[in-house]
Amino acid sequence: MEEVRSLLTAYVTEDEPPIGLSGAAVLAAARRSRRQHLLTAAVASAVIVLALALAVVVLPHRDDVANTPCPAASDTRAALVDRLSCVVGRAVRALLPPDAQITRLTIPGETPPADPFHLIADPAGDAPRDALFHMGVRVTDARGSGSVYILIVPSGNSGGPPCGDPEEILCRTEPTPQGFLWLSTLRTGDVTTHRVALGAPEAQVQFWSNNSGVLQQTGVRLPQQRPEPTLTLEQVRGLALTPGLRL
């Protein structure tokens, strides 16, 4: 938790634009923090968890999900997580084909939630919004498996980073009424990632999608599992601008 806290502190207090922080690095720190508590589980429980992690969540009731209002409360962290999870899940599902299958991406020993879009909140303070909100899902359809990730970090800095990542094959910036957008496409080996970050006054919101259904981790080379990312760059841009992601 101290590693996550230090990353968040640097993210919102240093002079450089906050979106420049690597989403993969922050998520990896959060996973390491949780892993310290999860690795004490019994071997039998780990086997059960692995079976659950491989379970596939199908989308048989898209209309029911779309027509159910998301919670409005944000007075507690749990309520805020429920609201954000609902908004994110609805927005992503609307972009997927009806027969798409969704599996939560988890670290070893972690039990996936019933709702694969339920966000994890790694606390960085006592207030409900003072946390690192994140999650990742594997999406499998007729073209193969890819992933969709989200990262939300509270911040008062609405700036965007300069382009220049060595793996970028495209990068552009765009002002919007919601805040400054940074859009990029990166290629690492055979894996392509579309990434969009929104620098809003109260939070930095990042979405990204790639063409590998394997959990993204710092320093790990991912295998290509479909020809292109699950979502296009324009679709990821739309996710970053989704109404209701305010903290």
Protein backbone atom coordinates (compact mmCIF):
# COMPACT_ATOMS: atom_id res chain seq x y z
CA MET A 1 0.00 0.00 0.00
CA GLU A 2 2.89 2.40 0.69
CA GLU A 3 4.14 1.88 -2.87
CA VAL A 4 0.71 2.72 -4.28
CA ARG A 5 0.44 5.73 -1.96
CA SER A 6 3.86 7.07 -3.04
CA LEU A 7 2.98 6.67 -6.72
CA LEU A 8 -0.29 8.52 -6.23
CA THR A 9 1.45 11.29 -4.28
CA ALA A 10 3.97 11.80 -7.06
CA TYR A 11 1.18 11.62 -9.62
CA VAL A 12 -0.69 14.61 -8.25
CA THR A 13 2.11 16.75 -6.78
CA GLU A 14 5.07 16.71 -9.14
CA ASP A 15 5.49 19.37 -11.80
CA GLU A 16 5.20 17.03 -14.76
CA PRO A 17 1.73 16.33 -16.24
CA PRO A 18 0.05 13.55 -14.26
CA ILE A 19 -1.21 11.48 -17.15
CA GLY A 20 2.40 10.68 -17.97
CA LEU A 21 2.37 8.10 -15.19
CA SER A 22 2.23 4.62 -16.70
CA GLY A 23 -1.11 2.96 -16.04
CA ALA A 24 0.57 -0.44 -16.13
CA ALA A 25 3.10 0.62 -13.49
CA VAL A 26 0.43 1.94 -11.13
CA LEU A 27 -1.75 -1.13 -11.58
CA ALA A 28 1.26 -3.37 -11.00
CA ALA A 29 1.97 -1.57 -7.72
CA ALA A 30 -1.65 -1.98 -6.67
CA ARG A 31 -1.56 -5.66 -7.53
CA ARG A 32 1.63 -6.19 -5.53
CA SER A 33 -0.02 -4.49 -2.57
CA ARG A 34 -3.03 -6.81 -2.76
CA ARG A 35 -0.87 -9.85 -3.46
CA GLN A 36 0.81 -9.55 -0.05
CA HIS A 37 -2.56 -10.29 1.53
CA LEU A 38 -3.75 -12.84 -1.00
CA LEU A 39 -0.77 -15.21 -1.04
CA THR A 40 -1.61 -16.53 2.43
CA ALA A 41 -4.70 -18.33 1.09
CA ALA A 42 -4.77 -22.14 1.32
CA VAL A 43 -3.83 -24.23 -1.72
CA ALA A 44 -7.34 -25.61 -1.96
CA SER A 45 -8.76 -22.12 -2.09
CA ALA A 46 -6.27 -21.18 -4.79
CA VAL A 47 -7.50 -24.06 -6.94
CA ILE A 48 -11.10 -22.88 -6.54
CA VAL A 49 -10.08 -19.33 -7.35
CA LEU A 50 -8.31 -20.46 -10.52
CA ALA A 51 -11.45 -22.21 -11.66
CA LEU A 52 -13.45 -19.08 -10.99
CA ALA A 53 -10.92 -16.93 -12.81
CA LEU A 54 -11.38 -19.04 -15.92
CA ALA A 55 -15.16 -18.81 -15.78
CA VAL A 56 -16.69 -16.84 -18.62
CA VAL A 57 -19.30 -14.18 -18.08
CA VAL A 58 -21.63 -14.00 -21.07
CA LEU A 59 -23.88 -11.06 -21.87
CA PRO A 60 -27.35 -12.60 -22.24
CA HIS A 61 -29.30 -9.64 -20.90
CA ARG A 62 -27.82 -6.59 -22.58
CA ASP A 63 -31.18 -4.82 -22.75
CA ASP A 64 -31.88 -5.44 -19.07
CA VAL A 65 -28.47 -4.05 -18.12
CA ALA A 66 -28.86 -1.00 -20.35
CA ASN A 67 -32.29 -0.16 -18.94
CA THR A 68 -31.34 -0.46 -15.27
CA PRO A 69 -30.39 2.93 -13.78
CA CYS A 70 -26.94 3.16 -12.23
CA PRO A 71 -26.72 4.10 -8.52
CA ALA A 72 -26.40 7.81 -7.83
CA ALA A 73 -24.79 7.74 -4.38
CA SER A 74 -21.11 8.62 -3.84
CA ASP A 75 -21.13 9.38 -0.10
CA THR A 76 -19.00 6.33 0.76
CA ARG A 77 -16.19 4.65 -1.15
CA ALA A 78 -18.29 1.51 -1.60
CA ALA A 79 -21.15 3.57 -3.05
CA LEU A 80 -18.74 5.41 -5.35
CA VAL A 81 -17.29 2.10 -6.56
CA ASP A 82 -20.78 0.75 -7.25
CA ARG A 83 -21.70 3.83 -9.27
CA LEU A 84 -18.48 3.95 -11.28
CA SER A 85 -18.57 0.18 -11.92
CA CYS A 86 -22.09 0.42 -13.26
CA VAL A 87 -21.23 3.34 -15.56
CA VAL A 88 -18.07 1.66 -16.88
CA GLY A 89 -19.72 -1.72 -17.38
CA ARG A 90 -22.65 -0.23 -19.26
CA ALA A 91 -20.40 1.89 -21.49
CA VAL A 92 -18.09 -1.01 -22.43
CA ARG A 93 -20.88 -3.53 -22.97
CA ALA A 94 -22.59 -1.14 -25.38
CA LEU A 95 -19.52 -1.36 -27.66
CA LEU A 96 -19.23 -5.15 -27.73
CA PRO A 97 -20.95 -7.65 -30.04
CA PRO A 98 -23.92 -9.48 -28.48
CA ASP A 99 -22.06 -12.79 -28.30
CA ALA A 100 -18.94 -11.37 -26.65
CA GLN A 101 -17.68 -13.19 -23.58
CA ILE A 102 -16.16 -11.28 -20.68
CA THR A 103 -13.71 -12.59 -18.09
CA ARG A 104 -12.21 -10.54 -15.28
CA LEU A 105 -8.41 -10.27 -15.45
CA THR A 106 -7.06 -11.21 -12.01
CA ILE A 107 -3.75 -11.79 -10.30
CA PRO A 108 -3.05 -15.30 -8.91
CA GLY A 109 -5.01 -15.91 -5.74
CA GLU A 110 -7.57 -13.18 -6.41
CA THR A 111 -11.24 -14.15 -6.59
CA PRO A 112 -12.97 -12.41 -9.51
CA PRO A 113 -16.12 -10.48 -8.56
CA ALA A 114 -19.53 -11.53 -9.81
CA ASP A 115 -19.60 -8.41 -11.97
CA PRO A 116 -16.43 -8.43 -14.11
CA PHE A 117 -16.59 -4.62 -14.33
CA HIS A 118 -16.58 -4.07 -10.57
CA LEU A 119 -13.76 -1.59 -9.95
CA ILE A 120 -11.02 -2.12 -7.39
CA ALA A 121 -10.41 0.84 -5.07
CA ASP A 122 -6.93 0.94 -3.57
CA PRO A 123 -7.19 3.61 -0.83
CA ALA A 124 -4.84 6.58 -0.79
CA GLY A 125 -6.73 8.61 1.83
CA ASP A 126 -9.83 8.62 4.00
CA ALA A 127 -12.25 10.46 1.68
CA PRO A 128 -14.33 8.26 -0.67
CA ARG A 129 -12.65 9.68 -3.79
CA ASP A 130 -9.10 9.36 -2.45
CA ALA A 131 -8.29 6.04 -4.07
CA LEU A 132 -6.86 4.42 -7.17
CA PHE A 133 -9.85 2.98 -9.08
CA HIS A 134 -9.01 0.34 -11.67
CA MET A 135 -9.89 -2.97 -13.30
CA GLY A 136 -9.26 -4.98 -16.46
CA VAL A 137 -11.39 -7.44 -18.41
CA ARG A 138 -10.68 -9.98 -21.13
CA VAL A 139 -13.10 -9.84 -24.05
CA THR A 140 -13.43 -12.83 -26.38
CA ASP A 141 -15.42 -12.78 -29.61
CA ALA A 142 -15.25 -14.38 -33.05
CA ARG A 143 -11.93 -12.63 -33.82
CA GLY A 144 -10.13 -13.76 -30.66
CA SER A 145 -9.31 -12.32 -27.23
CA GLY A 146 -8.33 -8.79 -26.25
CA SER A 147 -8.55 -6.60 -23.17
CA VAL A 148 -10.10 -3.38 -21.88
CA TYR A 149 -8.67 -1.50 -18.88
CA ILE A 150 -9.63 1.57 -16.88
CA LEU A 151 -7.66 3.64 -14.38
CA ILE A 152 -9.09 6.63 -12.47
CA VAL A 153 -6.88 8.73 -10.21
CA PRO A 154 -8.15 11.87 -8.41
CA SER A 155 -6.18 14.95 -9.33
CA GLY A 156 -6.46 18.71 -9.63
CA ASN A 157 -4.22 18.84 -12.70
CA SER A 158 -6.03 18.76 -16.04
CA GLY A 159 -2.96 18.89 -18.28
CA GLY A 160 -1.85 16.22 -20.75
CA PRO A 161 1.60 14.76 -21.42
CA PRO A 162 3.71 15.39 -24.50
CA CYS A 163 3.86 12.69 -27.15
CA GLY A 164 7.11 10.81 -27.43
CA ASP A 165 6.71 7.28 -26.04
CA PRO A 166 9.17 5.10 -28.04
CA GLU A 167 6.41 2.56 -28.67
CA GLU A 168 3.93 5.12 -30.03
CA ILE A 169 2.92 4.88 -33.66
CA LEU A 170 0.32 7.63 -33.27
CA CYS A 171 -0.25 10.37 -30.73
CA ARG A 172 -2.45 13.44 -30.73
CA THR A 173 -4.08 15.77 -28.23
CA GLU A 174 -7.55 17.25 -28.25
CA PRO A 175 -9.33 19.81 -26.05
CA THR A 176 -12.89 18.88 -25.07
CA PRO A 177 -15.54 20.44 -22.79
CA GLN A 178 -14.83 17.67 -20.24
CA GLY A 179 -11.06 18.28 -20.21
CA PHE A 180 -7.90 17.75 -22.22
CA LEU A 181 -7.62 14.46 -24.14
CA TRP A 182 -4.46 12.56 -25.00
CA LEU A 183 -4.94 9.82 -27.63
CA SER A 184 -2.25 7.35 -28.64
CA THR A 185 -1.66 4.00 -30.28
CA LEU A 186 1.31 1.94 -29.16
CA ARG A 187 2.86 -1.22 -30.57
CA THR A 188 4.97 -3.64 -28.55
CA GLY A 189 5.96 -6.66 -30.62
CA ASP A 190 2.73 -8.00 -32.09
CA VAL A 191 0.50 -6.30 -29.52
CA THR A 192 -1.23 -3.02 -30.36
CA THR A 193 -2.76 -0.79 -27.68
CA HIS A 194 -5.18 2.09 -28.14
CA ARG A 195 -5.00 4.41 -25.11
CA VAL A 196 -6.91 7.57 -24.26
CA ALA A 197 -6.50 9.73 -21.15
CA LEU A 198 -8.80 12.52 -20.04
CA GLY A 199 -7.36 15.23 -17.81
CA ALA A 200 -10.43 16.58 -16.01
CA PRO A 201 -10.32 19.04 -13.08
CA GLU A 202 -11.09 16.40 -10.46
CA ALA A 203 -9.63 13.19 -11.89
CA GLN A 204 -7.42 11.62 -14.50
CA VAL A 205 -9.36 8.95 -16.42
CA GLN A 206 -7.52 6.46 -18.62
CA PHE A 207 -8.99 3.72 -20.81
CA TRP A 208 -6.98 1.40 -23.00
CA SER A 209 -7.64 -1.65 -25.14
CA ASN A 210 -5.26 -4.13 -26.76
CA ASN A 211 -5.28 -7.35 -28.76
CA SER A 212 -4.12 -9.68 -25.99
CA GLY A 213 -6.35 -11.38 -23.43
CA VAL A 214 -3.45 -11.82 -20.99
CA LEU A 215 -3.15 -9.62 -17.91
CA GLN A 216 -0.92 -6.63 -18.62
CA GLN A 217 2.05 -6.43 -16.28
CA THR A 218 5.16 -4.28 -16.33
CA GLY A 219 8.06 -6.02 -18.06
CA VAL A 220 5.94 -8.93 -19.37
CA ARG A 221 5.68 -9.40 -23.14
CA LEU A 222 2.08 -10.09 -24.09
CA PRO A 223 1.01 -12.58 -26.78
CA GLN A 224 -1.16 -11.39 -29.66
CA GLN A 225 -4.54 -13.15 -29.52
CA ARG A 226 -6.55 -11.28 -32.15
CA PRO A 227 -5.67 -9.18 -35.23
CA GLU A 228 -6.54 -5.81 -33.66
CA PRO A 229 -7.47 -4.40 -30.23
CA THR A 230 -10.92 -5.23 -28.90
CA LEU A 231 -11.92 -1.56 -29.24
CA THR A 232 -10.88 1.02 -31.82
CA LEU A 233 -9.14 4.23 -30.81
CA GLU A 234 -12.36 6.15 -31.43
CA GLN A 235 -14.30 3.76 -29.19
CA VAL A 236 -11.71 4.14 -26.42
CA ARG A 237 -11.99 7.91 -26.84
CA GLY A 238 -15.74 7.62 -26.31
CA LEU A 239 -15.19 5.62 -23.12
CA ALA A 240 -12.90 8.31 -21.69
CA LEU A 241 -15.66 10.88 -22.29
CA THR A 242 -18.42 8.71 -20.77
CA PRO A 243 -20.80 10.84 -18.69
CA GLY A 244 -21.03 9.78 -15.05
CA LEU A 245 -17.34 9.08 -14.37
CA ARG A 246 -17.06 12.10 -12.10
CA LEU A 247 -15.68 11.41 -8.64
